[in-house]
Amino acid sequence: MEPTMVANDEFVEERSDEELLIHTWRVEQLERLGLPRVLAEAFAELVDWHEIAELVARGCPAELALEIVR
Protein backbone atom coordinates (compact mmCIF):
# COMPACT_ATOMS: atom_id res chain seq x y z
CA MET A 1 0.00 0.00 0.00
CA GLU A 2 1.46 3.35 -1.01
CA PRO A 3 0.96 6.62 0.84
CA THR A 4 -1.24 9.26 -0.79
CA MET A 5 0.29 12.65 -1.57
CA VAL A 6 -1.62 15.61 -0.16
CA ALA A 7 -1.43 19.28 -1.12
CA ASN A 8 1.18 20.27 1.46
CA ASP A 9 3.45 17.35 0.47
CA GLU A 10 2.76 15.39 3.66
CA PHE A 11 2.17 11.67 3.35
CA VAL A 12 -1.08 10.19 4.59
CA GLU A 13 -1.23 6.43 4.88
CA GLU A 14 -4.52 4.78 4.10
CA ARG A 15 -5.22 1.59 6.03
CA SER A 16 -7.77 -1.12 5.53
CA ASP A 17 -10.10 -2.14 8.34
CA GLU A 18 -8.07 -5.32 8.81
CA GLU A 19 -4.80 -3.38 9.08
CA LEU A 20 -6.35 -1.08 11.67
CA LEU A 21 -7.57 -4.07 13.70
CA ILE A 22 -4.11 -5.63 13.61
CA HIS A 23 -2.48 -2.36 14.63
CA THR A 24 -4.93 -1.96 17.51
CA TRP A 25 -4.25 -5.53 18.65
CA ARG A 26 -0.47 -4.96 18.57
CA VAL A 27 -0.88 -1.76 20.57
CA GLU A 28 -2.91 -3.67 23.18
CA GLN A 29 -0.20 -6.35 23.43
CA LEU A 30 2.50 -3.74 23.97
CA GLU A 31 0.37 -1.95 26.59
CA ARG A 32 -0.18 -5.23 28.45
CA LEU A 33 3.59 -5.60 28.60
CA GLY A 34 3.79 -2.24 30.37
CA LEU A 35 4.49 0.29 27.63
CA PRO A 36 2.65 3.61 27.77
CA ARG A 37 0.00 3.93 25.06
CA VAL A 38 1.91 6.64 23.18
CA LEU A 39 4.95 4.35 22.81
CA ALA A 40 2.79 1.35 21.99
CA GLU A 41 1.07 3.33 19.22
CA ALA A 42 4.35 4.63 17.84
CA PHE A 43 6.15 1.28 17.74
CA ALA A 44 3.34 -1.23 17.11
CA GLU A 45 4.33 -1.62 13.45
CA LEU A 46 8.08 -1.38 14.03
CA VAL A 47 8.88 -4.05 16.62
CA ASP A 48 8.05 -7.68 17.27
CA TRP A 49 6.07 -7.64 20.51
CA HIS A 50 7.10 -11.25 21.15
CA GLU A 51 10.72 -10.15 21.60
CA ILE A 52 9.66 -7.49 24.09
CA ALA A 53 7.48 -10.04 25.92
CA GLU A 54 10.45 -12.39 26.30
CA LEU A 55 12.60 -9.66 27.82
CA VAL A 56 9.81 -8.49 30.14
CA ALA A 57 9.27 -12.10 31.27
CA ARG A 58 12.94 -12.18 32.28
CA GLY A 59 12.49 -9.07 34.41
CA CYS A 60 13.47 -6.33 31.97
CA PRO A 61 11.40 -3.12 32.24
CA ALA A 62 9.14 -2.69 29.21
CA GLU A 63 10.67 0.60 28.03
CA LEU A 64 14.19 -0.82 28.24
CA ALA A 65 13.03 -3.92 26.37
CA LEU A 66 11.68 -1.63 23.65
CA GLU A 67 15.05 0.11 23.39
CA ILE A 68 16.84 -3.22 23.12
CA VAL A 69 14.49 -4.57 20.45
CA ARG A 70 14.53 -1.38 18.39
PDB file of N, CA and C in Angstrom:
ATOM      1  N   MET A   1       0.845  -1.168   0.000  1.00  0.00           N
ATOM      2  CA  MET A   1       0.000   0.000   0.000  1.00  0.00           C
ATOM      3  C   MET A   1       0.895   1.237   0.000  1.00  0.00           C
ATOM      4  N   GLU A   2       0.641   2.148  -0.902  1.00  0.00           N
ATOM      5  CA  GLU A   2       1.459   3.351  -1.013  1.00  0.00           C
ATOM      6  C   GLU A   2       0.760   4.527  -0.350  1.00  0.00           C
ATOM      7  N   PRO A   3       1.561   5.436   0.250  1.00  0.00           N
ATOM      8  CA  PRO A   3       0.961   6.624   0.844  1.00  0.00           C
ATOM      9  C   PRO A   3       0.360   7.517  -0.245  1.00  0.00           C
ATOM     10  N   THR A   4      -0.607   8.330   0.129  1.00  0.00           N
ATOM     11  CA  THR A   4      -1.244   9.255  -0.787  1.00  0.00           C
ATOM     12  C   THR A   4      -0.661  10.642  -0.577  1.00  0.00           C
ATOM     13  N   MET A   5      -0.282  11.309  -1.661  1.00  0.00           N
ATOM     14  CA  MET A   5       0.289  12.646  -1.570  1.00  0.00           C
ATOM     15  C   MET A   5      -0.839  13.654  -1.352  1.00  0.00           C
ATOM     16  N   VAL A   6      -0.644  14.561  -0.409  1.00  0.00           N
ATOM     17  CA  VAL A   6      -1.623  15.613  -0.158  1.00  0.00           C
ATOM     18  C   VAL A   6      -1.023  16.947  -0.560  1.00  0.00           C
ATOM     19  N   ALA A   7      -1.829  17.976  -0.597  1.00  0.00           N
ATOM     20  CA  ALA A   7      -1.425  19.276  -1.123  1.00  0.00           C
ATOM     21  C   ALA A   7      -0.166  19.840  -0.490  1.00  0.00           C
ATOM     22  N   ASN A   8       0.018  19.689   0.806  1.00  0.00           N
ATOM     23  CA  ASN A   8       1.177  20.274   1.465  1.00  0.00           C
ATOM     24  C   ASN A   8       2.361  19.296   1.522  1.00  0.00           C
ATOM     25  N   ASP A   9       2.361  18.317   0.618  1.00  0.00           N
ATOM     26  CA  ASP A   9       3.454  17.351   0.473  1.00  0.00           C
ATOM     27  C   ASP A   9       3.645  16.425   1.666  1.00  0.00           C
ATOM     28  N   GLU A  10       2.685  16.347   2.560  1.00  0.00           N
ATOM     29  CA  GLU A  10       2.759  15.388   3.656  1.00  0.00           C
ATOM     30  C   GLU A  10       2.174  14.072   3.167  1.00  0.00           C
ATOM     31  N   PHE A  11       2.679  12.980   3.736  1.00  0.00           N
ATOM     32  CA  PHE A  11       2.167  11.673   3.350  1.00  0.00           C
ATOM     33  C   PHE A  11       1.095  11.231   4.334  1.00  0.00           C
ATOM     34  N   VAL A  12       0.015  10.725   3.791  1.00  0.00           N
ATOM     35  CA  VAL A  12      -1.076  10.189   4.595  1.00  0.00           C
ATOM     36  C   VAL A  12      -1.213   8.723   4.197  1.00  0.00           C
ATOM     37  N   GLU A  13      -1.130   7.856   5.160  1.00  0.00           N
ATOM     38  CA  GLU A  13      -1.228   6.431   4.885  1.00  0.00           C
ATOM     39  C   GLU A  13      -2.667   5.973   5.052  1.00  0.00           C
ATOM     40  N   GLU A  14      -3.177   5.337   4.018  1.00  0.00           N
ATOM     41  CA  GLU A  14      -4.521   4.780   4.100  1.00  0.00           C
ATOM     42  C   GLU A  14      -4.405   3.340   4.557  1.00  0.00           C
ATOM     43  N   ARG A  15      -5.253   2.948   5.491  1.00  0.00           N
ATOM     44  CA  ARG A  15      -5.221   1.590   6.029  1.00  0.00           C
ATOM     45  C   ARG A  15      -6.572   0.929   5.863  1.00  0.00           C
ATOM     46  N   SER A  16      -6.531  -0.360   5.610  1.00  0.00           N
ATOM     47  CA  SER A  16      -7.775  -1.116   5.529  1.00  0.00           C
ATOM     48  C   SER A  16      -8.283  -1.370   6.952  1.00  0.00           C
ATOM     49  N   ASP A  17      -9.523  -1.810   7.038  1.00  0.00           N
ATOM     50  CA  ASP A  17     -10.099  -2.145   8.344  1.00  0.00           C
ATOM     51  C   ASP A  17      -9.277  -3.231   9.028  1.00  0.00           C
ATOM     52  N   GLU A  18      -8.852  -4.226   8.246  1.00  0.00           N
ATOM     53  CA  GLU A  18      -8.069  -5.321   8.808  1.00  0.00           C
ATOM     54  C   GLU A  18      -6.726  -4.817   9.349  1.00  0.00           C
ATOM     55  N   GLU A  19      -6.077  -3.932   8.613  1.00  0.00           N
ATOM     56  CA  GLU A  19      -4.805  -3.379   9.081  1.00  0.00           C
ATOM     57  C   GLU A  19      -4.986  -2.576  10.358  1.00  0.00           C
ATOM     58  N   LEU A  20      -6.079  -1.851  10.455  1.00  0.00           N
ATOM     59  CA  LEU A  20      -6.355  -1.084  11.673  1.00  0.00           C
ATOM     60  C   LEU A  20      -6.613  -2.008  12.862  1.00  0.00           C
ATOM     61  N   LEU A  21      -7.323  -3.109  12.628  1.00  0.00           N
ATOM     62  CA  LEU A  21      -7.569  -4.070  13.703  1.00  0.00           C
ATOM     63  C   LEU A  21      -6.266  -4.707  14.177  1.00  0.00           C
ATOM     64  N   ILE A  22      -5.403  -5.040  13.245  1.00  0.00           N
ATOM     65  CA  ILE A  22      -4.112  -5.635  13.605  1.00  0.00           C
ATOM     66  C   ILE A  22      -3.269  -4.639  14.381  1.00  0.00           C
ATOM     67  N   HIS A  23      -3.237  -3.399  13.925  1.00  0.00           N
ATOM     68  CA  HIS A  23      -2.480  -2.360  14.631  1.00  0.00           C
ATOM     69  C   HIS A  23      -2.999  -2.195  16.054  1.00  0.00           C
ATOM     70  N   THR A  24      -4.311  -2.122  16.190  1.00  0.00           N
ATOM     71  CA  THR A  24      -4.926  -1.959  17.509  1.00  0.00           C
ATOM     72  C   THR A  24      -4.566  -3.126  18.416  1.00  0.00           C
ATOM     73  N   TRP A  25      -4.598  -4.347  17.876  1.00  0.00           N
ATOM     74  CA  TRP A  25      -4.249  -5.530  18.652  1.00  0.00           C
ATOM     75  C   TRP A  25      -2.790  -5.475  19.101  1.00  0.00           C
ATOM     76  N   ARG A  26      -1.891  -5.069  18.210  1.00  0.00           N
ATOM     77  CA  ARG A  26      -0.473  -4.958  18.571  1.00  0.00           C
ATOM     78  C   ARG A  26      -0.267  -3.913  19.670  1.00  0.00           C
ATOM     79  N   VAL A  27      -0.971  -2.801  19.545  1.00  0.00           N
ATOM     80  CA  VAL A  27      -0.881  -1.756  20.573  1.00  0.00           C
ATOM     81  C   VAL A  27      -1.323  -2.328  21.918  1.00  0.00           C
ATOM     82  N   GLU A  28      -2.411  -3.070  21.940  1.00  0.00           N
ATOM     83  CA  GLU A  28      -2.908  -3.672  23.183  1.00  0.00           C
ATOM     84  C   GLU A  28      -1.877  -4.627  23.778  1.00  0.00           C
ATOM     85  N   GLN A  29      -1.219  -5.412  22.932  1.00  0.00           N
ATOM     86  CA  GLN A  29      -0.202  -6.349  23.434  1.00  0.00           C
ATOM     87  C   GLN A  29       0.954  -5.587  24.075  1.00  0.00           C
ATOM     88  N   LEU A  30       1.395  -4.529  23.438  1.00  0.00           N
ATOM     89  CA  LEU A  30       2.502  -3.742  23.975  1.00  0.00           C
ATOM     90  C   LEU A  30       2.099  -3.042  25.274  1.00  0.00           C
ATOM     91  N   GLU A  31       0.863  -2.571  25.345  1.00  0.00           N
ATOM     92  CA  GLU A  31       0.374  -1.953  26.588  1.00  0.00           C
ATOM     93  C   GLU A  31       0.320  -2.976  27.714  1.00  0.00           C
ATOM     94  N   ARG A  32      -0.131  -4.183  27.423  1.00  0.00           N
ATOM     95  CA  ARG A  32      -0.183  -5.232  28.446  1.00  0.00           C
ATOM     96  C   ARG A  32       1.205  -5.558  28.995  1.00  0.00           C
ATOM     97  N   LEU A  33       2.214  -5.355  28.165  1.00  0.00           N
ATOM     98  CA  LEU A  33       3.591  -5.599  28.603  1.00  0.00           C
ATOM     99  C   LEU A  33       4.137  -4.456  29.447  1.00  0.00           C
ATOM    100  N   GLY A  34       3.391  -3.343  29.507  1.00  0.00           N
ATOM    101  CA  GLY A  34       3.790  -2.243  30.369  1.00  0.00           C
ATOM    102  C   GLY A  34       4.223  -0.973  29.663  1.00  0.00           C
ATOM    103  N   LEU A  35       4.121  -0.936  28.342  1.00  0.00           N
ATOM    104  CA  LEU A  35       4.487   0.289  27.631  1.00  0.00           C
ATOM    105  C   LEU A  35       3.354   1.303  27.703  1.00  0.00           C
ATOM    106  N   PRO A  36       3.687   2.580  27.842  1.00  0.00           N
ATOM    107  CA  PRO A  36       2.652   3.611  27.772  1.00  0.00           C
ATOM    108  C   PRO A  36       2.005   3.601  26.384  1.00  0.00           C
ATOM    109  N   ARG A  37       0.754   3.976  26.325  1.00  0.00           N
ATOM    110  CA  ARG A  37       0.005   3.934  25.056  1.00  0.00           C
ATOM    111  C   ARG A  37       0.713   4.691  23.941  1.00  0.00           C
ATOM    112  N   VAL A  38       1.269   5.845  24.234  1.00  0.00           N
ATOM    113  CA  VAL A  38       1.906   6.637  23.182  1.00  0.00           C
ATOM    114  C   VAL A  38       3.077   5.875  22.548  1.00  0.00           C
ATOM    115  N   LEU A  39       3.847   5.150  23.356  1.00  0.00           N
ATOM    116  CA  LEU A  39       4.949   4.352  22.812  1.00  0.00           C
ATOM    117  C   LEU A  39       4.413   3.129  22.077  1.00  0.00           C
ATOM    118  N   ALA A  40       3.387   2.509  22.641  1.00  0.00           N
ATOM    119  CA  ALA A  40       2.791   1.349  21.993  1.00  0.00           C
ATOM    120  C   ALA A  40       2.255   1.717  20.613  1.00  0.00           C
ATOM    121  N   GLU A  41       1.592   2.853  20.513  1.00  0.00           N
ATOM    122  CA  GLU A  41       1.072   3.329  19.224  1.00  0.00           C
ATOM    123  C   GLU A  41       2.206   3.591  18.239  1.00  0.00           C
ATOM    124  N   ALA A  42       3.256   4.237  18.717  1.00  0.00           N
ATOM    125  CA  ALA A  42       4.354   4.628  17.840  1.00  0.00           C
ATOM    126  C   ALA A  42       5.152   3.441  17.311  1.00  0.00           C
ATOM    127  N   PHE A  43       5.268   2.376  18.113  1.00  0.00           N
ATOM    128  CA  PHE A  43       6.146   1.279  17.743  1.00  0.00           C
ATOM    129  C   PHE A  43       5.421  -0.017  17.369  1.00  0.00           C
ATOM    130  N   ALA A  44       4.107  -0.008  17.370  1.00  0.00           N
ATOM    131  CA  ALA A  44       3.340  -1.226  17.106  1.00  0.00           C
ATOM    132  C   ALA A  44       3.713  -1.877  15.776  1.00  0.00           C
ATOM    133  N   GLU A  45       4.004  -1.085  14.769  1.00  0.00           N
ATOM    134  CA  GLU A  45       4.333  -1.624  13.445  1.00  0.00           C
ATOM    135  C   GLU A  45       5.835  -1.827  13.257  1.00  0.00           C
ATOM    136  N   LEU A  46       6.624  -1.395  14.217  1.00  0.00           N
ATOM    137  CA  LEU A  46       8.082  -1.381  14.030  1.00  0.00           C
ATOM    138  C   LEU A  46       8.831  -2.451  14.804  1.00  0.00           C
ATOM    139  N   VAL A  47       8.189  -3.049  15.789  1.00  0.00           N
ATOM    140  CA  VAL A  47       8.876  -4.045  16.618  1.00  0.00           C
ATOM    141  C   VAL A  47       8.050  -5.323  16.699  1.00  0.00           C
ATOM    142  N   ASP A  48       8.730  -6.406  17.032  1.00  0.00           N
ATOM    143  CA  ASP A  48       8.054  -7.682  17.267  1.00  0.00           C
ATOM    144  C   ASP A  48       7.730  -7.748  18.762  1.00  0.00           C
ATOM    145  N   TRP A  49       6.448  -7.683  19.090  1.00  0.00           N
ATOM    146  CA  TRP A  49       6.070  -7.636  20.507  1.00  0.00           C
ATOM    147  C   TRP A  49       6.482  -8.905  21.240  1.00  0.00           C
ATOM    148  N   HIS A  50       6.658 -10.006  20.511  1.00  0.00           N
ATOM    149  CA  HIS A  50       7.096 -11.251  21.146  1.00  0.00           C
ATOM    150  C   HIS A  50       8.485 -11.088  21.767  1.00  0.00           C
ATOM    151  N   GLU A  51       9.362 -10.381  21.081  1.00  0.00           N
ATOM    152  CA  GLU A  51      10.717 -10.153  21.597  1.00  0.00           C
ATOM    153  C   GLU A  51      10.671  -9.321  22.880  1.00  0.00           C
ATOM    154  N   ILE A  52       9.814  -8.325  22.887  1.00  0.00           N
ATOM    155  CA  ILE A  52       9.660  -7.495  24.085  1.00  0.00           C
ATOM    156  C   ILE A  52       9.084  -8.334  25.218  1.00  0.00           C
ATOM    157  N   ALA A  53       8.104  -9.178  24.910  1.00  0.00           N
ATOM    158  CA  ALA A  53       7.485 -10.037  25.918  1.00  0.00           C
ATOM    159  C   ALA A  53       8.517 -10.968  26.559  1.00  0.00           C
ATOM    160  N   GLU A  54       9.419 -11.505  25.759  1.00  0.00           N
ATOM    161  CA  GLU A  54      10.452 -12.389  26.305  1.00  0.00           C
ATOM    162  C   GLU A  54      11.355 -11.648  27.285  1.00  0.00           C
ATOM    163  N   LEU A  55      11.746 -10.440  26.932  1.00  0.00           N
ATOM    164  CA  LEU A  55      12.602  -9.656  27.822  1.00  0.00           C
ATOM    165  C   LEU A  55      11.868  -9.275  29.103  1.00  0.00           C
ATOM    166  N   VAL A  56      10.613  -8.871  28.971  1.00  0.00           N
ATOM    167  CA  VAL A  56       9.809  -8.495  30.144  1.00  0.00           C
ATOM    168  C   VAL A  56       9.638  -9.703  31.059  1.00  0.00           C
ATOM    169  N   ALA A  57       9.425 -10.875  30.474  1.00  0.00           N
ATOM    170  CA  ALA A  57       9.265 -12.096  31.270  1.00  0.00           C
ATOM    171  C   ALA A  57      10.527 -12.418  32.065  1.00  0.00           C
ATOM    172  N   ARG A  58      11.667 -11.965  31.581  1.00  0.00           N
ATOM    173  CA  ARG A  58      12.942 -12.178  32.275  1.00  0.00           C
ATOM    174  C   ARG A  58      13.254 -11.067  33.271  1.00  0.00           C
ATOM    175  N   GLY A  59      12.321 -10.115  33.419  1.00  0.00           N
ATOM    176  CA  GLY A  59      12.492  -9.075  34.413  1.00  0.00           C
ATOM    177  C   GLY A  59      12.925  -7.718  33.878  1.00  0.00           C
ATOM    178  N   CYS A  60      13.047  -7.591  32.577  1.00  0.00           N
ATOM    179  CA  CYS A  60      13.468  -6.330  31.970  1.00  0.00           C
ATOM    180  C   CYS A  60      12.278  -5.359  31.965  1.00  0.00           C
ATOM    181  N   PRO A  61      12.485  -4.102  32.344  1.00  0.00           N
ATOM    182  CA  PRO A  61      11.398  -3.118  32.242  1.00  0.00           C
ATOM    183  C   PRO A  61      10.974  -2.959  30.772  1.00  0.00           C
ATOM    184  N   ALA A  62       9.693  -2.732  30.558  1.00  0.00           N
ATOM    185  CA  ALA A  62       9.139  -2.689  29.206  1.00  0.00           C
ATOM    186  C   ALA A  62       9.817  -1.639  28.323  1.00  0.00           C
ATOM    187  N   GLU A  63      10.063  -0.448  28.856  1.00  0.00           N
ATOM    188  CA  GLU A  63      10.671   0.601  28.034  1.00  0.00           C
ATOM    189  C   GLU A  63      12.113   0.261  27.669  1.00  0.00           C
ATOM    190  N   LEU A  64      12.838  -0.384  28.563  1.00  0.00           N
ATOM    191  CA  LEU A  64      14.188  -0.824  28.239  1.00  0.00           C
ATOM    192  C   LEU A  64      14.135  -1.943  27.214  1.00  0.00           C
ATOM    193  N   ALA A  65      13.195  -2.848  27.340  1.00  0.00           N
ATOM    194  CA  ALA A  65      13.028  -3.917  26.369  1.00  0.00           C
ATOM    195  C   ALA A  65      12.756  -3.344  24.978  1.00  0.00           C
ATOM    196  N   LEU A  66      11.955  -2.301  24.918  1.00  0.00           N
ATOM    197  CA  LEU A  66      11.676  -1.630  23.645  1.00  0.00           C
ATOM    198  C   LEU A  66      12.967  -1.078  23.051  1.00  0.00           C
ATOM    199  N   GLU A  67      13.774  -0.434  23.870  1.00  0.00           N
ATOM    200  CA  GLU A  67      15.050   0.109  23.387  1.00  0.00           C
ATOM    201  C   GLU A  67      15.963  -0.989  22.850  1.00  0.00           C
ATOM    202  N   ILE A  68      16.003  -2.111  23.535  1.00  0.00           N
ATOM    203  CA  ILE A  68      16.842  -3.223  23.117  1.00  0.00           C
ATOM    204  C   ILE A  68      16.373  -3.791  21.793  1.00  0.00           C
ATOM    205  N   VAL A  69      15.072  -3.967  21.649  1.00  0.00           N
ATOM    206  CA  VAL A  69      14.490  -4.572  20.446  1.00  0.00           C
ATOM    207  C   VAL A  69      14.577  -3.640  19.245  1.00  0.00           C
ATOM    208  N   ARG A  70      14.480  -2.349  19.498  1.00  0.00           N
ATOM    209  CA  ARG A  70      14.535  -1.384  18.387  1.00  0.00           C
ATOM    210  C   ARG A  70      15.854  -1.509  17.744  1.00  0.00           C
TER     211      ARG A  70
END
